[in-house]
Amino acid sequence: METQEKKDSFFDIIGRDKPVLVDFSAEWCGPCKMMKPVLHELKALMGDKITILKIDVDESPGIASHYRIQSVPTLIIFKNGEVLWRQSGVVRATGLQQILQQYAGVS
């Protein structure tokens, strides 16, 4: 069961001015496992300009339901609590870097 503290901290993080890439995933999901090295590469490319969060939809069903996550992996970029971009499926690190530049103004 999801705790209120976990939910508050999630909404606090995505409410910040710094862009946040959230990877909604699940342990049983094969394509989700492919995202782990992609997200590490993206962090190496972008550094502290972005925050990357991984949310397990089975451990946080309330958050997954709130954002109507129907398939995993689903990636969402937030800034100031607003959804700037959303896509389901695996995306390459360079593609995510371009998307962050385009939608969140990260250089």
PDB file of N, CA and C in Angstrom:
ATOM      1  N   MET A   1       0.842  -1.194   0.000  1.00  0.00           N
ATOM      2  CA  MET A   1       0.000   0.000   0.000  1.00  0.00           C
ATOM      3  C   MET A   1       0.881   1.249   0.000  1.00  0.00           C
ATOM      4  N   GLU A   2       0.478   2.219  -0.748  1.00  0.00           N
ATOM      5  CA  GLU A   2       1.248   3.449  -0.898  1.00  0.00           C
ATOM      6  C   GLU A   2       1.077   4.346   0.326  1.00  0.00           C
ATOM      7  N   THR A   3       2.156   4.907   0.795  1.00  0.00           N
ATOM      8  CA  THR A   3       2.068   5.799   1.949  1.00  0.00           C
ATOM      9  C   THR A   3       1.865   7.231   1.475  1.00  0.00           C
ATOM     10  N   GLN A   4       1.231   8.032   2.292  1.00  0.00           N
ATOM     11  CA  GLN A   4       1.010   9.431   1.949  1.00  0.00           C
ATOM     12  C   GLN A   4       2.339  10.164   1.814  1.00  0.00           C
ATOM     13  N   GLU A   5       3.316   9.804   2.650  1.00  0.00           N
ATOM     14  CA  GLU A   5       4.626  10.457   2.607  1.00  0.00           C
ATOM     15  C   GLU A   5       5.284  10.252   1.244  1.00  0.00           C
ATOM     16  N   LYS A   6       5.228   9.032   0.710  1.00  0.00           N
ATOM     17  CA  LYS A   6       5.817   8.742  -0.598  1.00  0.00           C
ATOM     18  C   LYS A   6       5.118   9.560  -1.679  1.00  0.00           C
ATOM     19  N   LYS A   7       3.802   9.630  -1.600  1.00  0.00           N
ATOM     20  CA  LYS A   7       3.026  10.383  -2.583  1.00  0.00           C
ATOM     21  C   LYS A   7       3.364  11.874  -2.513  1.00  0.00           C
ATOM     22  N   ASP A   8       3.458  12.420  -1.306  1.00  0.00           N
ATOM     23  CA  ASP A   8       3.801  13.835  -1.157  1.00  0.00           C
ATOM     24  C   ASP A   8       5.180  14.126  -1.723  1.00  0.00           C
ATOM     25  N   SER A   9       6.151  13.270  -1.461  1.00  0.00           N
ATOM     26  CA  SER A   9       7.485  13.541  -1.946  1.00  0.00           C
ATOM     27  C   SER A   9       7.528  13.477  -3.471  1.00  0.00           C
ATOM     28  N   PHE A  10       6.775  12.566  -4.098  1.00  0.00           N
ATOM     29  CA  PHE A  10       6.710  12.498  -5.556  1.00  0.00           C
ATOM     30  C   PHE A  10       6.172  13.810  -6.119  1.00  0.00           C
ATOM     31  N   PHE A  11       5.050  14.283  -5.583  1.00  0.00           N
ATOM     32  CA  PHE A  11       4.446  15.511  -6.098  1.00  0.00           C
ATOM     33  C   PHE A  11       5.315  16.733  -5.797  1.00  0.00           C
ATOM     34  N   ASP A  12       6.064  16.707  -4.710  1.00  0.00           N
ATOM     35  CA  ASP A  12       7.005  17.773  -4.403  1.00  0.00           C
ATOM     36  C   ASP A  12       8.124  17.814  -5.442  1.00  0.00           C
ATOM     37  N   ILE A  13       8.650  16.647  -5.783  1.00  0.00           N
ATOM     38  CA  ILE A  13       9.757  16.572  -6.751  1.00  0.00           C
ATOM     39  C   ILE A  13       9.315  17.031  -8.132  1.00  0.00           C
ATOM     40  N   ILE A  14       8.167  16.551  -8.613  1.00  0.00           N
ATOM     41  CA  ILE A  14       7.736  16.945  -9.959  1.00  0.00           C
ATOM     42  C   ILE A  14       7.243  18.394 -10.000  1.00  0.00           C
ATOM     43  N   GLY A  15       7.001  18.995  -8.845  1.00  0.00           N
ATOM     44  CA  GLY A  15       6.536  20.380  -8.784  1.00  0.00           C
ATOM     45  C   GLY A  15       7.652  21.403  -8.861  1.00  0.00           C
ATOM     46  N   ARG A  16       8.880  20.952  -8.877  1.00  0.00           N
ATOM     47  CA  ARG A  16      10.021  21.869  -8.900  1.00  0.00           C
ATOM     48  C   ARG A  16      10.260  22.442 -10.296  1.00  0.00           C
ATOM     49  N   ASP A  17      11.103  23.471 -10.341  1.00  0.00           N
ATOM     50  CA  ASP A  17      11.424  24.136 -11.589  1.00  0.00           C
ATOM     51  C   ASP A  17      12.356  23.300 -12.471  1.00  0.00           C
ATOM     52  N   LYS A  18      13.091  22.379 -11.862  1.00  0.00           N
ATOM     53  CA  LYS A  18      14.007  21.515 -12.610  1.00  0.00           C
ATOM     54  C   LYS A  18      13.199  20.429 -13.316  1.00  0.00           C
ATOM     55  N   PRO A  19      13.459  20.175 -14.610  1.00  0.00           N
ATOM     56  CA  PRO A  19      12.735  19.117 -15.313  1.00  0.00           C
ATOM     57  C   PRO A  19      12.952  17.751 -14.655  1.00  0.00           C
ATOM     58  N   VAL A  20      11.888  16.962 -14.617  1.00  0.00           N
ATOM     59  CA  VAL A  20      11.931  15.628 -14.021  1.00  0.00           C
ATOM     60  C   VAL A  20      11.426  14.634 -15.060  1.00  0.00           C
ATOM     61  N   LEU A  21      12.247  13.632 -15.353  1.00  0.00           N
ATOM     62  CA  LEU A  21      11.838  12.543 -16.222  1.00  0.00           C
ATOM     63  C   LEU A  21      11.424  11.389 -15.322  1.00  0.00           C
ATOM     64  N   VAL A  22      10.169  10.965 -15.430  1.00  0.00           N
ATOM     65  CA  VAL A  22       9.673   9.867 -14.623  1.00  0.00           C
ATOM     66  C   VAL A  22       9.494   8.646 -15.527  1.00  0.00           C
ATOM     67  N   ASP A  23      10.117   7.549 -15.115  1.00  0.00           N
ATOM     68  CA  ASP A  23      10.015   6.276 -15.816  1.00  0.00           C
ATOM     69  C   ASP A  23       9.047   5.392 -15.027  1.00  0.00           C
ATOM     70  N   PHE A  24       7.827   5.257 -15.526  1.00  0.00           N
ATOM     71  CA  PHE A  24       6.849   4.355 -14.906  1.00  0.00           C
ATOM     72  C   PHE A  24       7.123   2.963 -15.453  1.00  0.00           C
ATOM     73  N   SER A  25       7.437   2.030 -14.553  1.00  0.00           N
ATOM     74  CA  SER A  25       7.867   0.707 -14.985  1.00  0.00           C
ATOM     75  C   SER A  25       7.361  -0.360 -14.027  1.00  0.00           C
ATOM     76  N   ALA A  26       7.762  -1.609 -14.297  1.00  0.00           N
ATOM     77  CA  ALA A  26       7.424  -2.734 -13.429  1.00  0.00           C
ATOM     78  C   ALA A  26       8.549  -3.761 -13.515  1.00  0.00           C
ATOM     79  N   GLU A  27       8.751  -4.480 -12.418  1.00  0.00           N
ATOM     80  CA  GLU A  27       9.816  -5.485 -12.362  1.00  0.00           C
ATOM     81  C   GLU A  27       9.649  -6.568 -13.426  1.00  0.00           C
ATOM     82  N   TRP A  28       8.427  -6.950 -13.721  1.00  0.00           N
ATOM     83  CA  TRP A  28       8.137  -8.048 -14.639  1.00  0.00           C
ATOM     84  C   TRP A  28       8.221  -7.648 -16.115  1.00  0.00           C
ATOM     85  N   CYS A  29       8.457  -6.373 -16.379  1.00  0.00           N
ATOM     86  CA  CYS A  29       8.407  -5.824 -17.737  1.00  0.00           C
ATOM     87  C   CYS A  29       9.785  -5.882 -18.414  1.00  0.00           C
ATOM     88  N   GLY A  30       9.892  -6.653 -19.488  1.00  0.00           N
ATOM     89  CA  GLY A  30      11.148  -6.769 -20.227  1.00  0.00           C
ATOM     90  C   GLY A  30      11.639  -5.449 -20.802  1.00  0.00           C
ATOM     91  N   PRO A  31      10.803  -4.730 -21.563  1.00  0.00           N
ATOM     92  CA  PRO A  31      11.250  -3.448 -22.109  1.00  0.00           C
ATOM     93  C   PRO A  31      11.654  -2.437 -21.021  1.00  0.00           C
ATOM     94  N   CYS A  32      11.033  -2.535 -19.836  1.00  0.00           N
ATOM     95  CA  CYS A  32      11.400  -1.635 -18.731  1.00  0.00           C
ATOM     96  C   CYS A  32      12.857  -1.854 -18.331  1.00  0.00           C
ATOM     97  N   LYS A  33      13.292  -3.110 -18.372  1.00  0.00           N
ATOM     98  CA  LYS A  33      14.676  -3.422 -18.020  1.00  0.00           C
ATOM     99  C   LYS A  33      15.649  -2.819 -19.032  1.00  0.00           C
ATOM    100  N   MET A  34      15.202  -2.661 -20.260  1.00  0.00           N
ATOM    101  CA  MET A  34      16.028  -2.041 -21.296  1.00  0.00           C
ATOM    102  C   MET A  34      16.231  -0.549 -21.019  1.00  0.00           C
ATOM    103  N   MET A  35      15.331   0.055 -20.255  1.00  0.00           N
ATOM    104  CA  MET A  35      15.427   1.495 -19.981  1.00  0.00           C
ATOM    105  C   MET A  35      16.517   1.839 -18.964  1.00  0.00           C
ATOM    106  N   LYS A  36      16.900   0.884 -18.108  1.00  0.00           N
ATOM    107  CA  LYS A  36      17.874   1.184 -17.054  1.00  0.00           C
ATOM    108  C   LYS A  36      19.187   1.727 -17.618  1.00  0.00           C
ATOM    109  N   PRO A  37      19.848   1.049 -18.575  1.00  0.00           N
ATOM    110  CA  PRO A  37      21.090   1.620 -19.116  1.00  0.00           C
ATOM    111  C   PRO A  37      20.852   2.916 -19.891  1.00  0.00           C
ATOM    112  N   VAL A  38      19.679   3.034 -20.513  1.00  0.00           N
ATOM    113  CA  VAL A  38      19.340   4.262 -21.244  1.00  0.00           C
ATOM    114  C   VAL A  38      19.290   5.449 -20.276  1.00  0.00           C
ATOM    115  N   LEU A  39      18.650   5.246 -19.126  1.00  0.00           N
ATOM    116  CA  LEU A  39      18.528   6.325 -18.137  1.00  0.00           C
ATOM    117  C   LEU A  39      19.879   6.668 -17.521  1.00  0.00           C
ATOM    118  N   HIS A  40      20.748   5.667 -17.343  1.00  0.00           N
ATOM    119  CA  HIS A  40      22.107   5.948 -16.853  1.00  0.00           C
ATOM    120  C   HIS A  40      22.882   6.773 -17.876  1.00  0.00           C
ATOM    121  N   GLU A  41      22.740   6.430 -19.149  1.00  0.00           N
ATOM    122  CA  GLU A  41      23.402   7.191 -20.214  1.00  0.00           C
ATOM    123  C   GLU A  41      22.862   8.618 -20.270  1.00  0.00           C
ATOM    124  N   LEU A  42      21.542   8.755 -20.142  1.00  0.00           N
ATOM    125  CA  LEU A  42      20.931  10.083 -20.164  1.00  0.00           C
ATOM    126  C   LEU A  42      21.443  10.933 -19.003  1.00  0.00           C
ATOM    127  N   LYS A  43      21.548  10.345 -17.821  1.00  0.00           N
ATOM    128  CA  LYS A  43      22.054  11.080 -16.656  1.00  0.00           C
ATOM    129  C   LYS A  43      23.492  11.520 -16.892  1.00  0.00           C
ATOM    130  N   ALA A  44      24.296  10.658 -17.530  1.00  0.00           N
ATOM    131  CA  ALA A  44      25.680  11.017 -17.849  1.00  0.00           C
ATOM    132  C   ALA A  44      25.718  12.176 -18.847  1.00  0.00           C
ATOM    133  N   LEU A  45      24.791  12.187 -19.793  1.00  0.00           N
ATOM    134  CA  LEU A  45      24.728  13.261 -20.793  1.00  0.00           C
ATOM    135  C   LEU A  45      24.227  14.577 -20.202  1.00  0.00           C
ATOM    136  N   MET A  46      23.234  14.503 -19.327  1.00  0.00           N
ATOM    137  CA  MET A  46      22.541  15.702 -18.843  1.00  0.00           C
ATOM    138  C   MET A  46      22.996  16.174 -17.462  1.00  0.00           C
ATOM    139  N   GLY A  47      23.580  15.280 -16.682  1.00  0.00           N
ATOM    140  CA  GLY A  47      24.061  15.647 -15.347  1.00  0.00           C
ATOM    141  C   GLY A  47      22.947  16.147 -14.442  1.00  0.00           C
ATOM    142  N   ASP A  48      23.234  17.231 -13.723  1.00  0.00           N
ATOM    143  CA  ASP A  48      22.288  17.773 -12.746  1.00  0.00           C
ATOM    144  C   ASP A  48      21.225  18.686 -13.354  1.00  0.00           C
ATOM    145  N   LYS A  49      21.171  18.771 -14.673  1.00  0.00           N
ATOM    146  CA  LYS A  49      20.166  19.625 -15.320  1.00  0.00           C
ATOM    147  C   LYS A  49      18.771  19.016 -15.224  1.00  0.00           C
ATOM    148  N   ILE A  50      18.721  17.699 -14.962  1.00  0.00           N
ATOM    149  CA  ILE A  50      17.436  17.016 -14.853  1.00  0.00           C
ATOM    150  C   ILE A  50      17.445  16.087 -13.638  1.00  0.00           C
ATOM    151  N   THR A  51      16.243  15.704 -13.218  1.00  0.00           N
ATOM    152  CA  THR A  51      16.064  14.672 -12.203  1.00  0.00           C
ATOM    153  C   THR A  51      15.400  13.497 -12.896  1.00  0.00           C
ATOM    154  N   ILE A  52      15.852  12.282 -12.588  1.00  0.00           N
ATOM    155  CA  ILE A  52      15.241  11.082 -13.147  1.00  0.00           C
ATOM    156  C   ILE A  52      14.665  10.266 -11.996  1.00  0.00           C
ATOM    157  N   LEU A  53      13.388   9.941 -12.105  1.00  0.00           N
ATOM    158  CA  LEU A  53      12.712   9.119 -11.104  1.00  0.00           C
ATOM    159  C   LEU A  53      12.202   7.848 -11.764  1.00  0.00           C
ATOM    160  N   LYS A  54      12.276   6.753 -11.041  1.00  0.00           N
ATOM    161  CA  LYS A  54      11.699   5.500 -11.500  1.00  0.00           C
ATOM    162  C   LYS A  54      10.554   5.164 -10.548  1.00  0.00           C
ATOM    163  N   ILE A  55       9.373   4.968 -11.084  1.00  0.00           N
ATOM    164  CA  ILE A  55       8.199   4.621 -10.281  1.00  0.00           C
ATOM    165  C   ILE A  55       7.710   3.248 -10.718  1.00  0.00           C
ATOM    166  N   ASP A  56       7.704   2.309  -9.780  1.00  0.00           N
ATOM    167  CA  ASP A  56       7.174   0.972 -10.042  1.00  0.00           C
ATOM    168  C   ASP A  56       5.654   1.048  -9.900  1.00  0.00           C
ATOM    169  N   VAL A  57       4.955   0.745 -10.985  1.00  0.00           N
ATOM    170  CA  VAL A  57       3.493   0.880 -10.986  1.00  0.00           C
ATOM    171  C   VAL A  57       2.819  -0.088 -10.009  1.00  0.00           C
ATOM    172  N   ASP A  58       3.478  -1.206  -9.695  1.00  0.00           N
ATOM    173  CA  ASP A  58       2.912  -2.158  -8.745  1.00  0.00           C
ATOM    174  C   ASP A  58       3.094  -1.683  -7.306  1.00  0.00           C
ATOM    175  N   GLU A  59       4.169  -0.939  -7.047  1.00  0.00           N
ATOM    176  CA  GLU A  59       4.426  -0.422  -5.702  1.00  0.00           C
ATOM    177  C   GLU A  59       3.730   0.916  -5.445  1.00  0.00           C
ATOM    178  N   SER A  60       3.413   1.647  -6.504  1.00  0.00           N
ATOM    179  CA  SER A  60       2.758   2.965  -6.383  1.00  0.00           C
ATOM    180  C   SER A  60       1.530   3.033  -7.293  1.00  0.00           C
ATOM    181  N   PRO A  61       0.531   2.193  -7.028  1.00  0.00           N
ATOM    182  CA  PRO A  61      -0.634   2.165  -7.920  1.00  0.00           C
ATOM    183  C   PRO A  61      -1.431   3.463  -7.931  1.00  0.00           C
ATOM    184  N   GLY A  62      -1.412   4.216  -6.837  1.00  0.00           N
ATOM    185  CA  GLY A  62      -2.152   5.476  -6.795  1.00  0.00           C
ATOM    186  C   GLY A  62      -1.571   6.508  -7.754  1.00  0.00           C
ATOM    187  N   ILE A  63      -0.255   6.614  -7.776  1.00  0.00           N
ATOM    188  CA  ILE A  63       0.407   7.559  -8.690  1.00  0.00           C
ATOM    189  C   ILE A  63       0.202   7.099 -10.130  1.00  0.00           C
ATOM    190  N   ALA A  64       0.363   5.796 -10.374  1.00  0.00           N
ATOM    191  CA  ALA A  64       0.162   5.262 -11.726  1.00  0.00           C
ATOM    192  C   ALA A  64      -1.267   5.523 -12.205  1.00  0.00           C
ATOM    193  N   SER A  65      -2.228   5.340 -11.323  1.00  0.00           N
ATOM    194  CA  SER A  65      -3.626   5.584 -11.672  1.00  0.00           C
ATOM    195  C   SER A  65      -3.880   7.073 -11.933  1.00  0.00           C
ATOM    196  N   HIS A  66      -3.279   7.931 -11.105  1.00  0.00           N
ATOM    197  CA  HIS A  66      -3.445   9.377 -11.250  1.00  0.00           C
ATOM    198  C   HIS A  66      -3.031   9.846 -12.650  1.00  0.00           C
ATOM    199  N   TYR A  67      -1.960   9.263 -13.180  1.00  0.00           N
ATOM    200  CA  TYR A  67      -1.466   9.648 -14.508  1.00  0.00           C
ATOM    201  C   TYR A  67      -1.926   8.690 -15.606  1.00  0.00           C
ATOM    202  N   ARG A  68      -2.893   7.833 -15.280  1.00  0.00           N
ATOM    203  CA  ARG A  68      -3.510   6.908 -16.240  1.00  0.00           C
ATOM    204  C   ARG A  68      -2.459   6.099 -17.005  1.00  0.00           C
ATOM    205  N   ILE A  69      -1.531   5.512 -16.262  1.00  0.00           N
ATOM    206  CA  ILE A  69      -0.512   4.671 -16.869  1.00  0.00           C
ATOM    207  C   ILE A  69      -1.158   3.340 -17.235  1.00  0.00           C
ATOM    208  N   GLN A  70      -1.201   3.041 -18.524  1.00  0.00           N
ATOM    209  CA  GLN A  70      -1.840   1.809 -18.984  1.00  0.00           C
ATOM    210  C   GLN A  70      -0.843   0.811 -19.539  1.00  0.00           C
ATOM    211  N   SER A  71       0.361   1.273 -19.872  1.00  0.00           N
ATOM    212  CA  SER A  71       1.397   0.357 -20.338  1.00  0.00           C
ATOM    213  C   SER A  71       2.734   0.837 -19.802  1.00  0.00           C
ATOM    214  N   VAL A  72       3.655  -0.106 -19.660  1.00  0.00           N
ATOM    215  CA  VAL A  72       4.980   0.222 -19.170  1.00  0.00           C
ATOM    216  C   VAL A  72       6.007  -0.291 -20.176  1.00  0.00           C
ATOM    217  N   PRO A  73       7.123   0.409 -20.342  1.00  0.00           N
ATOM    218  CA  PRO A  73       7.438   1.673 -19.674  1.00  0.00           C
ATOM    219  C   PRO A  73       6.677   2.846 -20.293  1.00  0.00           C
ATOM    220  N   THR A  74       6.294   3.775 -19.434  1.00  0.00           N
ATOM    221  CA  THR A  74       5.771   5.061 -19.863  1.00  0.00           C
ATOM    222  C   THR A  74       6.677   6.123 -19.274  1.00  0.00           C
ATOM    223  N   LEU A  75       7.146   7.034 -20.115  1.00  0.00           N
ATOM    224  CA  LEU A  75       8.019   8.124 -19.693  1.00  0.00           C
ATOM    225  C   LEU A  75       7.240   9.417 -19.736  1.00  0.00           C
ATOM    226  N   ILE A  76       7.351  10.208 -18.664  1.00  0.00           N
ATOM    227  CA  ILE A  76       6.698  11.518 -18.610  1.00  0.00           C
ATOM    228  C   ILE A  76       7.721  12.542 -18.140  1.00  0.00           C
ATOM    229  N   ILE A  77       7.758  13.683 -18.813  1.00  0.00           N
ATOM    230  CA  ILE A  77       8.602  14.799 -18.379  1.00  0.00           C
ATOM    231  C   ILE A  77       7.706  15.826 -17.701  1.00  0.00           C
ATOM    232  N   PHE A  78       8.077  16.191 -16.477  1.00  0.00           N
ATOM    233  CA  PHE A  78       7.371  17.192 -15.688  1.00  0.00           C
ATOM    234  C   PHE A  78       8.272  18.404 -15.465  1.00  0.00           C
ATOM    235  N   LYS A  79       7.666  19.557 -15.339  1.00  0.00           N
ATOM    236  CA  LYS A  79       8.350  20.765 -14.879  1.00  0.00           C
ATOM    237  C   LYS A  79       7.287  21.627 -14.217  1.00  0.00           C
ATOM    238  N   ASN A  80       7.571  22.069 -13.001  1.00  0.00           N
ATOM    239  CA  ASN A  80       6.602  22.859 -12.225  1.00  0.00           C
ATOM    240  C   ASN A  80       5.259  22.138 -12.095  1.00  0.00           C
ATOM    241  N   GLY A  81       5.322  20.811 -12.003  1.00  0.00           N
ATOM    242  CA  GLY A  81       4.107  20.020 -11.830  1.00  0.00           C
ATOM    243  C   GLY A  81       3.312  19.778 -13.093  1.00  0.00           C
ATOM    244  N   GLU A  82       3.738  20.353 -14.202  1.00  0.00           N
ATOM    245  CA  GLU A  82       3.026  20.218 -15.470  1.00  0.00           C
ATOM    246  C   GLU A  82       3.632  19.095 -16.305  1.00  0.00           C
ATOM    247  N   VAL A  83       2.783  18.330 -16.981  1.00  0.00           N
ATOM    248  CA  VAL A  83       3.256  17.313 -17.913  1.00  0.00           C
ATOM    249  C   VAL A  83       3.644  18.025 -19.206  1.00  0.00           C
ATOM    250  N   LEU A  84       4.926  17.919 -19.588  1.00  0.00           N
ATOM    251  CA  LEU A  84       5.400  18.555 -20.810  1.00  0.00           C
ATOM    252  C   LEU A  84       5.425  17.593 -21.994  1.00  0.00           C
ATOM    253  N   TRP A  85       5.627  16.308 -21.689  1.00  0.00           N
ATOM    254  CA  TRP A  85       5.778  15.302 -22.737  1.00  0.00           C
ATOM    255  C   TRP A  85       5.510  13.936 -22.126  1.00  0.00           C
ATOM    256  N   ARG A  86       4.988  13.032 -22.951  1.00  0.00           N
ATOM    257  CA  ARG A  86       4.661  11.688 -22.459  1.00  0.00           C
ATOM    258  C   ARG A  86       4.731  10.714 -23.622  1.00  0.00           C
ATOM    259  N   GLN A  87       5.305   9.530 -23.343  1.00  0.00           N
ATOM    260  CA  GLN A  87       5.367   8.495 -24.376  1.00  0.00           C
ATOM    261  C   GLN A  87       5.528   7.135 -23.721  1.00  0.00           C
ATOM    262  N   SER A  88       4.901   6.135 -24.288  1.00  0.00           N
ATOM    263  CA  SER A  88       5.085   4.756 -23.834  1.00  0.00           C
ATOM    264  C   SER A  88       6.078   4.063 -24.749  1.00  0.00           C
ATOM    265  N   GLY A  89       6.867   3.163 -24.170  1.00  0.00           N
ATOM    266  CA  GLY A  89       7.841   2.419 -24.947  1.00  0.00           C
ATOM    267  C   GLY A  89       9.263   2.859 -24.649  1.00  0.00           C
ATOM    268  N   VAL A  90      10.204   2.138 -25.219  1.00  0.00           N
ATOM    269  CA  VAL A  90      11.621   2.408 -25.008  1.00  0.00           C
ATOM    270  C   VAL A  90      12.064   3.544 -25.919  1.00  0.00           C
ATOM    271  N   VAL A  91      12.818   4.485 -25.362  1.00  0.00           N
ATOM    272  CA  VAL A  91      13.352   5.624 -26.113  1.00  0.00           C
ATOM    273  C   VAL A  91      14.855   5.677 -25.855  1.00  0.00           C
ATOM    274  N   ARG A  92      15.641   5.923 -26.887  1.00  0.00           N
ATOM    275  CA  ARG A  92      17.100   6.019 -26.733  1.00  0.00           C
ATOM    276  C   ARG A  92      17.478   7.271 -25.934  1.00  0.00           C
ATOM    277  N   ALA A  93      18.648   7.238 -25.307  1.00  0.00           N
ATOM    278  CA  ALA A  93      19.115   8.358 -24.477  1.00  0.00           C
ATOM    279  C   ALA A  93      19.256   9.637 -25.298  1.00  0.00           C
ATOM    280  N   THR A  94      19.801   9.531 -26.505  1.00  0.00           N
ATOM    281  CA  THR A  94      19.966  10.739 -27.328  1.00  0.00           C
ATOM    282  C   THR A  94      18.610  11.308 -27.725  1.00  0.00           C
ATOM    283  N   GLY A  95      17.636  10.432 -27.951  1.00  0.00           N
ATOM    284  CA  GLY A  95      16.277  10.890 -28.249  1.00  0.00           C
ATOM    285  C   GLY A  95      15.670  11.612 -27.060  1.00  0.00           C
ATOM    286  N   LEU A  96      15.869  11.060 -25.865  1.00  0.00           N
ATOM    287  CA  LEU A  96      15.362  11.715 -24.653  1.00  0.00           C
ATOM    288  C   LEU A  96      16.056  13.052 -24.420  1.00  0.00           C
ATOM    289  N   GLN A  97      17.347  13.111 -24.714  1.00  0.00           N
ATOM    290  CA  GLN A  97      18.081  14.368 -24.567  1.00  0.00           C
ATOM    291  C   GLN A  97      17.480  15.438 -25.482  1.00  0.00           C
ATOM    292  N   GLN A  98      17.194  15.087 -26.729  1.00  0.00           N
ATOM    293  CA  GLN A  98      16.582  16.037 -27.666  1.00  0.00           C
ATOM    294  C   GLN A  98      15.186  16.460 -27.195  1.00  0.00           C
ATOM    295  N   ILE A  99      14.423  15.522 -26.696  1.00  0.00           N
ATOM    296  CA  ILE A  99      13.072  15.816 -26.204  1.00  0.00           C
ATOM    297  C   ILE A  99      13.147  16.770 -25.017  1.00  0.00           C
ATOM    298  N   LEU A 100      14.083  16.527 -24.099  1.00  0.00           N
ATOM    299  CA  LEU A 100      14.257  17.422 -22.947  1.00  0.00           C
ATOM    300  C   LEU A 100      14.656  18.824 -23.399  1.00  0.00           C
ATOM    301  N   GLN A 101      15.496  18.909 -24.411  1.00  0.00           N
ATOM    302  CA  GLN A 101      15.894  20.213 -24.950  1.00  0.00           C
ATOM    303  C   GLN A 101      14.693  20.923 -25.573  1.00  0.00           C
ATOM    304  N   GLN A 102      13.903  20.167 -26.326  1.00  0.00           N
ATOM    305  CA  GLN A 102      12.755  20.742 -27.020  1.00  0.00           C
ATOM    306  C   GLN A 102      11.629  21.155 -26.076  1.00  0.00           C
ATOM    307  N   TYR A 103      11.253  20.269 -25.145  1.00  0.00           N
ATOM    308  CA  TYR A 103      10.077  20.501 -24.329  1.00  0.00           C
ATOM    309  C   TYR A 103      10.358  21.198 -23.010  1.00  0.00           C
ATOM    310  N   ALA A 104      11.555  20.965 -22.449  1.00  0.00           N
ATOM    311  CA  ALA A 104      11.846  21.516 -21.116  1.00  0.00           C
ATOM    312  C   ALA A 104      12.917  22.612 -21.155  1.00  0.00           C
ATOM    313  N   GLY A 105      13.420  22.919 -22.355  1.00  0.00           N
ATOM    314  CA  GLY A 105      14.407  23.993 -22.487  1.00  0.00           C
ATOM    315  C   GLY A 105      15.753  23.672 -21.837  1.00  0.00           C
ATOM    316  N   VAL A 106      16.067  22.384 -21.699  1.00  0.00           N
ATOM    317  CA  VAL A 106      17.340  21.982 -21.093  1.00  0.00           C
ATOM    318  C   VAL A 106      18.383  21.962 -22.199  1.00  0.00           C
ATOM    319  N   SER A 107      19.513  22.631 -21.950  1.00  0.00           N
ATOM    320  CA  SER A 107      20.560  22.649 -22.986  1.00  0.00           C
ATOM    321  C   SER A 107      21.687  21.707 -22.664  1.00  0.00           C
TER     322      SER A 107
END
